[in-house]
Amino acid sequence: MAAMKAPFKSWLTRLIRKHRSFWLNGWVDNGSTTQTMDLDPSAKIYQEGMIVIDHSNQSVRNISTKGLVGDKPRTRGKMQYISGLGPHGIMVLIGGNQKIVTDTLDRSLGDLVGRINVQISMVKD
């Protein structure tokens, strides 16, 4: 298995009873891995997808988040799991920053996503 990039400022939620963890988006910078050490110190490459870790069988997969965040991955917000809604619970995304993945020249943190912008996604097994 290839080494995974460690997303910084991603949104992490753990579902203890389901033995799973979820990392949503985030960015990679010059401190993320040895392969990114040569990046400009201010460069932040935003990451697409959600990393799903299944602790019971020690597997990892990356699922698409295009339907959730489009082409602007998010960082610096909050992701909360709420059980009891729907068959498997829901994930709620609140606030944060967003930025187009291909925008590697702009050193800003991207656009602010207001706390009023709340997204809800059903959790699937």
PDB file of N, CA and C in Angstrom:
ATOM      1  N   MET A   1       0.840  -1.173   0.000  1.00  0.00           N
ATOM      2  CA  MET A   1       0.000   0.000   0.000  1.00  0.00           C
ATOM      3  C   MET A   1       0.892   1.245   0.000  1.00  0.00           C
ATOM      4  N   ALA A   2       0.567   2.216  -0.859  1.00  0.00           N
ATOM      5  CA  ALA A   2       1.339   3.454  -0.930  1.00  0.00           C
ATOM      6  C   ALA A   2       1.120   4.283   0.331  1.00  0.00           C
ATOM      7  N   ALA A   3       2.133   5.043   0.704  1.00  0.00           N
ATOM      8  CA  ALA A   3       2.016   5.890   1.895  1.00  0.00           C
ATOM      9  C   ALA A   3       0.965   6.960   1.662  1.00  0.00           C
ATOM     10  N   MET A   4       0.134   7.198   2.649  1.00  0.00           N
ATOM     11  CA  MET A   4      -0.906   8.218   2.552  1.00  0.00           C
ATOM     12  C   MET A   4      -0.330   9.571   2.915  1.00  0.00           C
ATOM     13  N   LYS A   5      -0.860  10.607   2.286  1.00  0.00           N
ATOM     14  CA  LYS A   5      -0.516  11.966   2.686  1.00  0.00           C
ATOM     15  C   LYS A   5      -1.282  12.274   3.962  1.00  0.00           C
ATOM     16  N   ALA A   6      -0.633  12.893   4.903  1.00  0.00           N
ATOM     17  CA  ALA A   6      -1.300  13.246   6.160  1.00  0.00           C
ATOM     18  C   ALA A   6      -1.918  14.631   6.011  1.00  0.00           C
ATOM     19  N   PRO A   7      -3.253  14.723   5.904  1.00  0.00           N
ATOM     20  CA  PRO A   7      -3.866  16.036   5.725  1.00  0.00           C
ATOM     21  C   PRO A   7      -3.802  16.858   7.002  1.00  0.00           C
ATOM     22  N   PHE A   8      -3.420  18.125   6.861  1.00  0.00           N
ATOM     23  CA  PHE A   8      -3.328  19.047   7.984  1.00  0.00           C
ATOM     24  C   PHE A   8      -4.596  19.893   8.001  1.00  0.00           C
ATOM     25  N   LYS A   9      -5.065  20.241   9.164  1.00  0.00           N
ATOM     26  CA  LYS A   9      -6.274  21.041   9.330  1.00  0.00           C
ATOM     27  C   LYS A   9      -7.484  20.368   8.684  1.00  0.00           C
ATOM     28  N   SER A  10      -7.439  19.043   8.591  1.00  0.00           N
ATOM     29  CA  SER A  10      -8.609  18.317   8.107  1.00  0.00           C
ATOM     30  C   SER A  10      -9.592  18.166   9.249  1.00  0.00           C
ATOM     31  N   TRP A  11     -10.739  17.662   8.959  1.00  0.00           N
ATOM     32  CA  TRP A  11     -11.771  17.498   9.965  1.00  0.00           C
ATOM     33  C   TRP A  11     -11.777  16.041  10.363  1.00  0.00           C
ATOM     34  N   LEU A  12     -11.573  15.769  11.606  1.00  0.00           N
ATOM     35  CA  LEU A  12     -11.496  14.404  12.100  1.00  0.00           C
ATOM     36  C   LEU A  12     -12.683  14.115  13.016  1.00  0.00           C
ATOM     37  N   THR A  13     -13.341  13.002  12.758  1.00  0.00           N
ATOM     38  CA  THR A  13     -14.421  12.535  13.625  1.00  0.00           C
ATOM     39  C   THR A  13     -14.232  11.044  13.843  1.00  0.00           C
ATOM     40  N   ARG A  14     -14.382  10.616  15.088  1.00  0.00           N
ATOM     41  CA  ARG A  14     -14.254   9.192  15.424  1.00  0.00           C
ATOM     42  C   ARG A  14     -15.608   8.653  15.848  1.00  0.00           C
ATOM     43  N   LEU A  15     -15.942   7.483  15.333  1.00  0.00           N
ATOM     44  CA  LEU A  15     -17.160   6.791  15.727  1.00  0.00           C
ATOM     45  C   LEU A  15     -16.724   5.569  16.512  1.00  0.00           C
ATOM     46  N   ILE A  16     -16.585   5.716  17.803  1.00  0.00           N
ATOM     47  CA  ILE A  16     -16.030   4.667  18.657  1.00  0.00           C
ATOM     48  C   ILE A  16     -16.829   3.375  18.545  1.00  0.00           C
ATOM     49  N   ARG A  17     -18.140   3.445  18.621  1.00  0.00           N
ATOM     50  CA  ARG A  17     -18.969   2.233  18.573  1.00  0.00           C
ATOM     51  C   ARG A  17     -18.946   1.548  17.217  1.00  0.00           C
ATOM     52  N   LYS A  18     -18.691   2.318  16.153  1.00  0.00           N
ATOM     53  CA  LYS A  18     -18.618   1.735  14.817  1.00  0.00           C
ATOM     54  C   LYS A  18     -17.177   1.389  14.434  1.00  0.00           C
ATOM     55  N   HIS A  19     -16.218   1.676  15.299  1.00  0.00           N
ATOM     56  CA  HIS A  19     -14.793   1.380  15.067  1.00  0.00           C
ATOM     57  C   HIS A  19     -14.277   2.055  13.790  1.00  0.00           C
ATOM     58  N   ARG A  20     -14.690   3.301  13.593  1.00  0.00           N
ATOM     59  CA  ARG A  20     -14.264   4.034  12.396  1.00  0.00           C
ATOM     60  C   ARG A  20     -13.835   5.449  12.741  1.00  0.00           C
ATOM     61  N   SER A  21     -12.950   5.982  11.883  1.00  0.00           N
ATOM     62  CA  SER A  21     -12.561   7.386  11.944  1.00  0.00           C
ATOM     63  C   SER A  21     -12.691   7.965  10.550  1.00  0.00           C
ATOM     64  N   PHE A  22     -12.988   9.255  10.478  1.00  0.00           N
ATOM     65  CA  PHE A  22     -13.165   9.940   9.208  1.00  0.00           C
ATOM     66  C   PHE A  22     -12.314  11.204   9.202  1.00  0.00           C
ATOM     67  N   TRP A  23     -11.511  11.380   8.147  1.00  0.00           N
ATOM     68  CA  TRP A  23     -10.756  12.619   7.910  1.00  0.00           C
ATOM     69  C   TRP A  23     -11.336  13.247   6.665  1.00  0.00           C
ATOM     70  N   LEU A  24     -11.813  14.468   6.754  1.00  0.00           N
ATOM     71  CA  LEU A  24     -12.391  15.156   5.593  1.00  0.00           C
ATOM     72  C   LEU A  24     -11.434  16.231   5.111  1.00  0.00           C
ATOM     73  N   ASN A  25     -11.106  16.155   3.836  1.00  0.00           N
ATOM     74  CA  ASN A  25     -10.306  17.161   3.143  1.00  0.00           C
ATOM     75  C   ASN A  25      -9.036  17.529   3.907  1.00  0.00           C
ATOM     76  N   GLY A  26      -8.757  18.809   4.098  1.00  0.00           N
ATOM     77  CA  GLY A  26      -7.507  19.258   4.712  1.00  0.00           C
ATOM     78  C   GLY A  26      -6.510  19.693   3.642  1.00  0.00           C
ATOM     79  N   TRP A  27      -5.281  19.977   4.075  1.00  0.00           N
ATOM     80  CA  TRP A  27      -4.250  20.352   3.112  1.00  0.00           C
ATOM     81  C   TRP A  27      -2.954  19.622   3.432  1.00  0.00           C
ATOM     82  N   VAL A  28      -2.079  19.619   2.417  1.00  0.00           N
ATOM     83  CA  VAL A  28      -0.729  19.076   2.553  1.00  0.00           C
ATOM     84  C   VAL A  28       0.214  20.259   2.406  1.00  0.00           C
ATOM     85  N   ASP A  29       1.228  20.325   3.273  1.00  0.00           N
ATOM     86  CA  ASP A  29       2.222  21.395   3.161  1.00  0.00           C
ATOM     87  C   ASP A  29       3.622  20.795   3.274  1.00  0.00           C
ATOM     88  N   ASN A  30       4.640  21.642   3.429  1.00  0.00           N
ATOM     89  CA  ASN A  30       6.017  21.142   3.416  1.00  0.00           C
ATOM     90  C   ASN A  30       6.385  20.335   4.657  1.00  0.00           C
ATOM     91  N   GLY A  31       5.493  20.235   5.623  1.00  0.00           N
ATOM     92  CA  GLY A  31       5.762  19.428   6.804  1.00  0.00           C
ATOM     93  C   GLY A  31       4.943  18.144   6.859  1.00  0.00           C
ATOM     94  N   SER A  32       4.167  17.863   5.815  1.00  0.00           N
ATOM     95  CA  SER A  32       3.262  16.706   5.832  1.00  0.00           C
ATOM     96  C   SER A  32       3.977  15.378   5.655  1.00  0.00           C
ATOM     97  N   THR A  33       4.866  15.284   4.682  1.00  0.00           N
ATOM     98  CA  THR A  33       5.604  14.047   4.416  1.00  0.00           C
ATOM     99  C   THR A  33       6.990  14.402   3.901  1.00  0.00           C
ATOM    100  N   THR A  34       7.840  13.416   3.789  1.00  0.00           N
ATOM    101  CA  THR A  34       9.173  13.681   3.225  1.00  0.00           C
ATOM    102  C   THR A  34       9.085  14.060   1.748  1.00  0.00           C
ATOM    103  N   GLN A  35       8.027  13.620   1.053  1.00  0.00           N
ATOM    104  CA  GLN A  35       7.863  13.975  -0.357  1.00  0.00           C
ATOM    105  C   GLN A  35       7.451  15.433  -0.552  1.00  0.00           C
ATOM    106  N   THR A  36       6.940  16.094   0.498  1.00  0.00           N
ATOM    107  CA  THR A  36       6.486  17.479   0.348  1.00  0.00           C
ATOM    108  C   THR A  36       7.427  18.477   1.014  1.00  0.00           C
ATOM    109  N   MET A  37       8.574  18.019   1.493  1.00  0.00           N
ATOM    110  CA  MET A  37       9.508  18.916   2.194  1.00  0.00           C
ATOM    111  C   MET A  37      10.032  20.045   1.320  1.00  0.00           C
ATOM    112  N   ASP A  38      10.052  19.853  -0.017  1.00  0.00           N
ATOM    113  CA  ASP A  38      10.586  20.872  -0.909  1.00  0.00           C
ATOM    114  C   ASP A  38       9.558  21.924  -1.318  1.00  0.00           C
ATOM    115  N   LEU A  39       8.341  21.798  -0.849  1.00  0.00           N
ATOM    116  CA  LEU A  39       7.332  22.809  -1.161  1.00  0.00           C
ATOM    117  C   LEU A  39       7.699  24.133  -0.503  1.00  0.00           C
ATOM    118  N   ASP A  40       7.265  25.225  -1.121  1.00  0.00           N
ATOM    119  CA  ASP A  40       7.424  26.541  -0.530  1.00  0.00           C
ATOM    120  C   ASP A  40       6.796  26.519   0.871  1.00  0.00           C
ATOM    121  N   PRO A  41       7.430  27.126   1.873  1.00  0.00           N
ATOM    122  CA  PRO A  41       6.892  27.085   3.242  1.00  0.00           C
ATOM    123  C   PRO A  41       5.463  27.605   3.386  1.00  0.00           C
ATOM    124  N   SER A  42       5.039  28.481   2.478  1.00  0.00           N
ATOM    125  CA  SER A  42       3.672  29.008   2.587  1.00  0.00           C
ATOM    126  C   SER A  42       2.674  28.262   1.702  1.00  0.00           C
ATOM    127  N   ALA A  43       3.122  27.263   0.945  1.00  0.00           N
ATOM    128  CA  ALA A  43       2.230  26.530   0.038  1.00  0.00           C
ATOM    129  C   ALA A  43       1.322  25.588   0.815  1.00  0.00           C
ATOM    130  N   LYS A  44       0.062  25.572   0.434  1.00  0.00           N
ATOM    131  CA  LYS A  44      -0.921  24.663   1.004  1.00  0.00           C
ATOM    132  C   LYS A  44      -1.689  24.044  -0.155  1.00  0.00           C
ATOM    133  N   ILE A  45      -1.566  22.740  -0.318  1.00  0.00           N
ATOM    134  CA  ILE A  45      -2.253  22.044  -1.396  1.00  0.00           C
ATOM    135  C   ILE A  45      -3.468  21.343  -0.798  1.00  0.00           C
ATOM    136  N   TYR A  46      -4.640  21.860  -1.098  1.00  0.00           N
ATOM    137  CA  TYR A  46      -5.870  21.323  -0.536  1.00  0.00           C
ATOM    138  C   TYR A  46      -6.157  19.935  -1.094  1.00  0.00           C
ATOM    139  N   GLN A  47      -6.653  19.044  -0.238  1.00  0.00           N
ATOM    140  CA  GLN A  47      -6.879  17.646  -0.583  1.00  0.00           C
ATOM    141  C   GLN A  47      -8.360  17.351  -0.752  1.00  0.00           C
ATOM    142  N   GLU A  48      -8.666  16.589  -1.790  1.00  0.00           N
ATOM    143  CA  GLU A  48     -10.037  16.143  -2.006  1.00  0.00           C
ATOM    144  C   GLU A  48     -10.257  14.828  -1.268  1.00  0.00           C
ATOM    145  N   GLY A  49     -11.484  14.514  -1.015  1.00  0.00           N
ATOM    146  CA  GLY A  49     -11.834  13.203  -0.492  1.00  0.00           C
ATOM    147  C   GLY A  49     -11.939  13.127   1.019  1.00  0.00           C
ATOM    148  N   MET A  50     -12.455  11.994   1.448  1.00  0.00           N
ATOM    149  CA  MET A  50     -12.561  11.683   2.863  1.00  0.00           C
ATOM    150  C   MET A  50     -11.875  10.350   3.109  1.00  0.00           C
ATOM    151  N   ILE A  51     -10.942  10.340   4.031  1.00  0.00           N
ATOM    152  CA  ILE A  51     -10.250   9.114   4.406  1.00  0.00           C
ATOM    153  C   ILE A  51     -11.089   8.428   5.472  1.00  0.00           C
ATOM    154  N   VAL A  52     -11.445   7.177   5.208  1.00  0.00           N
ATOM    155  CA  VAL A  52     -12.239   6.386   6.146  1.00  0.00           C
ATOM    156  C   VAL A  52     -11.353   5.271   6.682  1.00  0.00           C
ATOM    157  N   ILE A  53     -11.164   5.248   7.977  1.00  0.00           N
ATOM    158  CA  ILE A  53     -10.328   4.227   8.618  1.00  0.00           C
ATOM    159  C   ILE A  53     -11.252   3.286   9.375  1.00  0.00           C
ATOM    160  N   ASP A  54     -11.182   1.994   9.045  1.00  0.00           N
ATOM    161  CA  ASP A  54     -11.947   0.971   9.757  1.00  0.00           C
ATOM    162  C   ASP A  54     -10.987   0.297  10.724  1.00  0.00           C
ATOM    163  N   HIS A  55     -11.149   0.584  12.015  1.00  0.00           N
ATOM    164  CA  HIS A  55     -10.221   0.075  13.022  1.00  0.00           C
ATOM    165  C   HIS A  55     -10.421  -1.410  13.301  1.00  0.00           C
ATOM    166  N   SER A  56     -11.595  -1.955  12.995  1.00  0.00           N
ATOM    167  CA  SER A  56     -11.837  -3.371  13.279  1.00  0.00           C
ATOM    168  C   SER A  56     -11.079  -4.281  12.330  1.00  0.00           C
ATOM    169  N   ASN A  57     -10.935  -3.889  11.057  1.00  0.00           N
ATOM    170  CA  ASN A  57     -10.170  -4.726  10.122  1.00  0.00           C
ATOM    171  C   ASN A  57      -8.914  -4.021   9.599  1.00  0.00           C
ATOM    172  N   GLN A  58      -8.583  -2.883  10.183  1.00  0.00           N
ATOM    173  CA  GLN A  58      -7.379  -2.111   9.870  1.00  0.00           C
ATOM    174  C   GLN A  58      -7.265  -1.791   8.377  1.00  0.00           C
ATOM    175  N   SER A  59      -8.379  -1.324   7.791  1.00  0.00           N
ATOM    176  CA  SER A  59      -8.366  -0.933   6.385  1.00  0.00           C
ATOM    177  C   SER A  59      -8.569   0.571   6.270  1.00  0.00           C
ATOM    178  N   VAL A  60      -8.112   1.112   5.151  1.00  0.00           N
ATOM    179  CA  VAL A  60      -8.218   2.542   4.879  1.00  0.00           C
ATOM    180  C   VAL A  60      -8.700   2.705   3.446  1.00  0.00           C
ATOM    181  N   ARG A  61      -9.631   3.633   3.246  1.00  0.00           N
ATOM    182  CA  ARG A  61     -10.049   3.952   1.878  1.00  0.00           C
ATOM    183  C   ARG A  61     -10.305   5.444   1.769  1.00  0.00           C
ATOM    184  N   ASN A  62     -10.214   5.954   0.563  1.00  0.00           N
ATOM    185  CA  ASN A  62     -10.446   7.368   0.302  1.00  0.00           C
ATOM    186  C   ASN A  62     -11.685   7.464  -0.573  1.00  0.00           C
ATOM    187  N   ILE A  63     -12.725   8.141  -0.083  1.00  0.00           N
ATOM    188  CA  ILE A  63     -13.948   8.271  -0.857  1.00  0.00           C
ATOM    189  C   ILE A  63     -14.105   9.706  -1.353  1.00  0.00           C
ATOM    190  N   SER A  64     -14.789   9.857  -2.464  1.00  0.00           N
ATOM    191  CA  SER A  64     -14.982  11.165  -3.079  1.00  0.00           C
ATOM    192  C   SER A  64     -15.894  12.038  -2.222  1.00  0.00           C
ATOM    193  N   THR A  65     -15.574  13.329  -2.173  1.00  0.00           N
ATOM    194  CA  THR A  65     -16.445  14.293  -1.498  1.00  0.00           C
ATOM    195  C   THR A  65     -16.955  15.348  -2.481  1.00  0.00           C
ATOM    196  N   LYS A  66     -16.831  15.087  -3.783  1.00  0.00           N
ATOM    197  CA  LYS A  66     -17.274  16.058  -4.785  1.00  0.00           C
ATOM    198  C   LYS A  66     -18.738  16.432  -4.608  1.00  0.00           C
ATOM    199  N   GLY A  67     -19.596  15.448  -4.302  1.00  0.00           N
ATOM    200  CA  GLY A  67     -21.009  15.733  -4.111  1.00  0.00           C
ATOM    201  C   GLY A  67     -21.288  16.552  -2.865  1.00  0.00           C
ATOM    202  N   LEU A  68     -20.349  16.564  -1.950  1.00  0.00           N
ATOM    203  CA  LEU A  68     -20.516  17.266  -0.683  1.00  0.00           C
ATOM    204  C   LEU A  68     -19.925  18.674  -0.714  1.00  0.00           C
ATOM    205  N   VAL A  69     -18.693  18.804  -1.213  1.00  0.00           N
ATOM    206  CA  VAL A  69     -18.017  20.104  -1.195  1.00  0.00           C
ATOM    207  C   VAL A  69     -17.672  20.616  -2.593  1.00  0.00           C
ATOM    208  N   GLY A  70     -18.052  19.882  -3.642  1.00  0.00           N
ATOM    209  CA  GLY A  70     -17.743  20.296  -5.011  1.00  0.00           C
ATOM    210  C   GLY A  70     -16.251  20.276  -5.263  1.00  0.00           C
ATOM    211  N   ASP A  71     -15.737  21.309  -5.917  1.00  0.00           N
ATOM    212  CA  ASP A  71     -14.303  21.380  -6.212  1.00  0.00           C
ATOM    213  C   ASP A  71     -13.555  22.267  -5.221  1.00  0.00           C
ATOM    214  N   LYS A  72     -14.166  22.525  -4.069  1.00  0.00           N
ATOM    215  CA  LYS A  72     -13.537  23.358  -3.042  1.00  0.00           C
ATOM    216  C   LYS A  72     -13.455  22.593  -1.721  1.00  0.00           C
ATOM    217  N   PRO A  73     -12.393  21.793  -1.514  1.00  0.00           N
ATOM    218  CA  PRO A  73     -12.239  21.091  -0.241  1.00  0.00           C
ATOM    219  C   PRO A  73     -12.190  22.071   0.925  1.00  0.00           C
ATOM    220  N   ARG A  74     -12.532  21.559   2.098  1.00  0.00           N
ATOM    221  CA  ARG A  74     -12.623  22.401   3.286  1.00  0.00           C
ATOM    222  C   ARG A  74     -11.529  22.102   4.300  1.00  0.00           C
ATOM    223  N   THR A  75     -11.249  23.112   5.107  1.00  0.00           N
ATOM    224  CA  THR A  75     -10.330  22.987   6.239  1.00  0.00           C
ATOM    225  C   THR A  75     -10.867  23.840   7.375  1.00  0.00           C
ATOM    226  N   ARG A  76     -10.270  23.686   8.558  1.00  0.00           N
ATOM    227  CA  ARG A  76     -10.485  24.579   9.697  1.00  0.00           C
ATOM    228  C   ARG A  76     -11.928  24.720  10.160  1.00  0.00           C
ATOM    229  N   GLY A  77     -12.753  23.716   9.965  1.00  0.00           N
ATOM    230  CA  GLY A  77     -14.131  23.779  10.432  1.00  0.00           C
ATOM    231  C   GLY A  77     -14.379  22.682  11.445  1.00  0.00           C
ATOM    232  N   LYS A  78     -15.595  22.268  11.564  1.00  0.00           N
ATOM    233  CA  LYS A  78     -15.970  21.226  12.509  1.00  0.00           C
ATOM    234  C   LYS A  78     -16.848  20.199  11.798  1.00  0.00           C
ATOM    235  N   MET A  79     -16.566  18.921  12.029  1.00  0.00           N
ATOM    236  CA  MET A  79     -17.394  17.834  11.526  1.00  0.00           C
ATOM    237  C   MET A  79     -17.852  17.042  12.742  1.00  0.00           C
ATOM    238  N   GLN A  80     -19.142  16.864  12.865  1.00  0.00           N
ATOM    239  CA  GLN A  80     -19.695  16.174  14.025  1.00  0.00           C
ATOM    240  C   GLN A  80     -20.583  15.027  13.567  1.00  0.00           C
ATOM    241  N   TYR A  81     -20.405  13.865  14.185  1.00  0.00           N
ATOM    242  CA  TYR A  81     -21.263  12.718  13.919  1.00  0.00           C
ATOM    243  C   TYR A  81     -22.419  12.742  14.910  1.00  0.00           C
ATOM    244  N   ILE A  82     -23.631  12.515  14.403  1.00  0.00           N
ATOM    245  CA  ILE A  82     -24.809  12.437  15.258  1.00  0.00           C
ATOM    246  C   ILE A  82     -25.494  11.103  14.989  1.00  0.00           C
ATOM    247  N   SER A  83     -25.529  10.235  15.988  1.00  0.00           N
ATOM    248  CA  SER A  83     -26.185   8.942  15.833  1.00  0.00           C
ATOM    249  C   SER A  83     -27.683   9.107  16.026  1.00  0.00           C
ATOM    250  N   GLY A  84     -28.444   8.107  15.636  1.00  0.00           N
ATOM    251  CA  GLY A  84     -29.878   8.133  15.873  1.00  0.00           C
ATOM    252  C   GLY A  84     -30.685   8.826  14.797  1.00  0.00           C
ATOM    253  N   LEU A  85     -30.043   9.440  13.826  1.00  0.00           N
ATOM    254  CA  LEU A  85     -30.742  10.052  12.699  1.00  0.00           C
ATOM    255  C   LEU A  85     -30.413   9.246  11.452  1.00  0.00           C
ATOM    256  N   GLY A  86     -31.423   8.698  10.834  1.00  0.00           N
ATOM    257  CA  GLY A  86     -31.202   7.818   9.696  1.00  0.00           C
ATOM    258  C   GLY A  86     -30.723   6.458  10.188  1.00  0.00           C
ATOM    259  N   PRO A  87     -30.528   5.530   9.268  1.00  0.00           N
ATOM    260  CA  PRO A  87     -30.150   4.172   9.682  1.00  0.00           C
ATOM    261  C   PRO A  87     -28.742   4.066  10.279  1.00  0.00           C
ATOM    262  N   HIS A  88     -27.836   4.971   9.909  1.00  0.00           N
ATOM    263  CA  HIS A  88     -26.449   4.882  10.378  1.00  0.00           C
ATOM    264  C   HIS A  88     -25.937   6.170  11.013  1.00  0.00           C
ATOM    265  N   GLY A  89     -26.802   7.167  11.175  1.00  0.00           N
ATOM    266  CA  GLY A  89     -26.369   8.445  11.709  1.00  0.00           C
ATOM    267  C   GLY A  89     -26.034   9.427  10.595  1.00  0.00           C
ATOM    268  N   ILE A  90     -25.659  10.642  10.981  1.00  0.00           N
ATOM    269  CA  ILE A  90     -25.317  11.678  10.006  1.00  0.00           C
ATOM    270  C   ILE A  90     -24.028  12.381  10.404  1.00  0.00           C
ATOM    271  N   MET A  91     -23.367  12.990   9.422  1.00  0.00           N
ATOM    272  CA  MET A  91     -22.229  13.876   9.645  1.00  0.00           C
ATOM    273  C   MET A  91     -22.703  15.296   9.360  1.00  0.00           C
ATOM    274  N   VAL A  92     -22.350  16.221  10.235  1.00  0.00           N
ATOM    275  CA  VAL A  92     -22.715  17.617  10.061  1.00  0.00           C
ATOM    276  C   VAL A  92     -21.422  18.421   9.910  1.00  0.00           C
ATOM    277  N   LEU A  93     -21.313  19.192   8.827  1.00  0.00           N
ATOM    278  CA  LEU A  93     -20.151  20.052   8.568  1.00  0.00           C
ATOM    279  C   LEU A  93     -20.535  21.485   8.898  1.00  0.00           C
ATOM    280  N   ILE A  94     -19.717  22.148   9.717  1.00  0.00           N
ATOM    281  CA  ILE A  94     -20.025  23.506  10.143  1.00  0.00           C
ATOM    282  C   ILE A  94     -18.819  24.407   9.883  1.00  0.00           C
ATOM    283  N   GLY A  95     -19.039  25.470   9.116  1.00  0.00           N
ATOM    284  CA  GLY A  95     -18.028  26.503   8.913  1.00  0.00           C
ATOM    285  C   GLY A  95     -16.755  26.035   8.241  1.00  0.00           C
ATOM    286  N   GLY A  96     -15.667  26.760   8.482  1.00  0.00           N
ATOM    287  CA  GLY A  96     -14.360  26.434   7.932  1.00  0.00           C
ATOM    288  C   GLY A  96     -13.959  27.342   6.781  1.00  0.00           C
ATOM    289  N   ASN A  97     -12.921  26.912   6.072  1.00  0.00           N
ATOM    290  CA  ASN A  97     -12.439  27.583   4.869  1.00  0.00           C
ATOM    291  C   ASN A  97     -12.581  26.613   3.706  1.00  0.00           C
ATOM    292  N   GLN A  98     -12.664  27.147   2.489  1.00  0.00           N
ATOM    293  CA  GLN A  98     -12.696  26.306   1.300  1.00  0.00           C
ATOM    294  C   GLN A  98     -11.839  26.935   0.214  1.00  0.00           C
ATOM    295  N   LYS A  99     -11.284  26.077  -0.644  1.00  0.00           N
ATOM    296  CA  LYS A  99     -10.400  26.570  -1.693  1.00  0.00           C
ATOM    297  C   LYS A  99     -10.359  25.558  -2.827  1.00  0.00           C
ATOM    298  N   ILE A 100     -10.270  26.049  -4.059  1.00  0.00           N
ATOM    299  CA  ILE A 100     -10.182  25.164  -5.227  1.00  0.00           C
ATOM    300  C   ILE A 100      -8.859  24.411  -5.180  1.00  0.00           C
ATOM    301  N   VAL A 101      -8.908  23.100  -5.437  1.00  0.00           N
ATOM    302  CA  VAL A 101      -7.728  22.232  -5.349  1.00  0.00           C
ATOM    303  C   VAL A 101      -6.608  22.689  -6.272  1.00  0.00           C
ATOM    304  N   THR A 102      -6.946  23.123  -7.476  1.00  0.00           N
ATOM    305  CA  THR A 102      -5.923  23.490  -8.454  1.00  0.00           C
ATOM    306  C   THR A 102      -5.269  24.835  -8.160  1.00  0.00           C
ATOM    307  N   ASP A 103      -5.767  25.580  -7.187  1.00  0.00           N
ATOM    308  CA  ASP A 103      -5.210  26.886  -6.847  1.00  0.00           C
ATOM    309  C   ASP A 103      -4.039  26.716  -5.887  1.00  0.00           C
ATOM    310  N   THR A 104      -2.846  26.526  -6.436  1.00  0.00           N
ATOM    311  CA  THR A 104      -1.656  26.351  -5.602  1.00  0.00           C
ATOM    312  C   THR A 104      -0.800  27.609  -5.541  1.00  0.00           C
ATOM    313  N   LEU A 105      -1.123  28.624  -6.332  1.00  0.00           N
ATOM    314  CA  LEU A 105      -0.330  29.859  -6.344  1.00  0.00           C
ATOM    315  C   LEU A 105      -0.771  30.834  -5.263  1.00  0.00           C
ATOM    316  N   ASP A 106      -2.077  30.893  -5.013  1.00  0.00           N
ATOM    317  CA  ASP A 106      -2.602  31.793  -3.990  1.00  0.00           C
ATOM    318  C   ASP A 106      -2.274  31.210  -2.619  1.00  0.00           C
ATOM    319  N   ARG A 107      -1.569  31.950  -1.784  1.00  0.00           N
ATOM    320  CA  ARG A 107      -1.125  31.458  -0.477  1.00  0.00           C
ATOM    321  C   ARG A 107      -2.150  31.696   0.628  1.00  0.00           C
ATOM    322  N   SER A 108      -3.301  32.244   0.266  1.00  0.00           N
ATOM    323  CA  SER A 108      -4.320  32.497   1.282  1.00  0.00           C
ATOM    324  C   SER A 108      -4.960  31.175   1.723  1.00  0.00           C
ATOM    325  N   LEU A 109      -5.762  31.231   2.754  1.00  0.00           N
ATOM    326  CA  LEU A 109      -6.464  30.048   3.250  1.00  0.00           C
ATOM    327  C   LEU A 109      -7.766  29.800   2.501  1.00  0.00           C
ATOM    328  N   GLY A 110      -8.055  30.594   1.488  1.00  0.00           N
ATOM    329  CA  GLY A 110      -9.271  30.412   0.705  1.00  0.00           C
ATOM    330  C   GLY A 110     -10.415  31.237   1.248  1.00  0.00           C
ATOM    331  N   ASP A 111     -11.611  30.855   0.854  1.00  0.00           N
ATOM    332  CA  ASP A 111     -12.819  31.582   1.231  1.00  0.00           C
ATOM    333  C   ASP A 111     -13.364  31.057   2.550  1.00  0.00           C
ATOM    334  N   LEU A 112     -13.865  31.960   3.359  1.00  0.00           N
ATOM    335  CA  LEU A 112     -14.481  31.588   4.623  1.00  0.00           C
ATOM    336  C   LEU A 112     -15.875  31.016   4.363  1.00  0.00           C
ATOM    337  N   VAL A 113     -16.165  29.881   4.985  1.00  0.00           N
ATOM    338  CA  VAL A 113     -17.500  29.300   4.928  1.00  0.00           C
ATOM    339  C   VAL A 113     -18.181  29.691   6.233  1.00  0.00           C
ATOM    340  N   GLY A 114     -19.225  30.460   6.149  1.00  0.00           N
ATOM    341  CA  GLY A 114     -19.898  30.938   7.351  1.00  0.00           C
ATOM    342  C   GLY A 114     -20.495  29.811   8.176  1.00  0.00           C
ATOM    343  N   ARG A 115     -20.601  30.026   9.456  1.00  0.00           N
ATOM    344  CA  ARG A 115     -21.184  29.012  10.344  1.00  0.00           C
ATOM    345  C   ARG A 115     -22.657  28.783  10.053  1.00  0.00           C
ATOM    346  N   ILE A 116     -23.266  29.673   9.315  1.00  0.00           N
ATOM    347  CA  ILE A 116     -24.660  29.469   8.937  1.00  0.00           C
ATOM    348  C   ILE A 116     -24.746  28.423   7.830  1.00  0.00           C
ATOM    349  N   ASN A 117     -23.664  28.235   7.065  1.00  0.00           N
ATOM    350  CA  ASN A 117     -23.630  27.234   6.002  1.00  0.00           C
ATOM    351  C   ASN A 117     -23.335  25.870   6.646  1.00  0.00           C
ATOM    352  N   VAL A 118     -24.368  25.099   6.903  1.00  0.00           N
ATOM    353  CA  VAL A 118     -24.250  23.790   7.540  1.00  0.00           C
ATOM    354  C   VAL A 118     -24.637  22.731   6.511  1.00  0.00           C
ATOM    355  N   GLN A 119     -23.793  21.712   6.354  1.00  0.00           N
ATOM    356  CA  GLN A 119     -24.096  20.621   5.434  1.00  0.00           C
ATOM    357  C   GLN A 119     -24.287  19.340   6.225  1.00  0.00           C
ATOM    358  N   ILE A 120     -25.234  18.532   5.780  1.00  0.00           N
ATOM    359  CA  ILE A 120     -25.532  17.275   6.460  1.00  0.00           C
ATOM    360  C   ILE A 120     -25.395  16.147   5.442  1.00  0.00           C
ATOM    361  N   SER A 121     -24.723  15.077   5.850  1.00  0.00           N
ATOM    362  CA  SER A 121     -24.517  13.921   4.980  1.00  0.00           C
ATOM    363  C   SER A 121     -24.850  12.653   5.744  1.00  0.00           C
ATOM    364  N   MET A 122     -25.536  11.738   5.106  1.00  0.00           N
ATOM    365  CA  MET A 122     -25.863  10.452   5.727  1.00  0.00           C
ATOM    366  C   MET A 122     -24.622   9.579   5.771  1.00  0.00           C
ATOM    367  N   VAL A 123     -24.438   8.846   6.852  1.00  0.00           N
ATOM    368  CA  VAL A 123     -23.329   7.913   6.981  1.00  0.00           C
ATOM    369  C   VAL A 123     -23.795   6.568   6.449  1.00  0.00           C
ATOM    370  N   LYS A 124     -22.951   5.926   5.622  1.00  0.00           N
ATOM    371  CA  LYS A 124     -23.278   4.611   5.073  1.00  0.00           C
ATOM    372  C   LYS A 124     -22.314   3.575   5.601  1.00  0.00           C
ATOM    373  N   ASP A 125     -22.788   2.364   5.736  1.00  0.00           N
ATOM    374  CA  ASP A 125     -21.902   1.264   6.139  1.00  0.00           C
ATOM    375  C   ASP A 125     -21.197   0.693   4.939  1.00  0.00           C
TER     376      ASP A 125
END
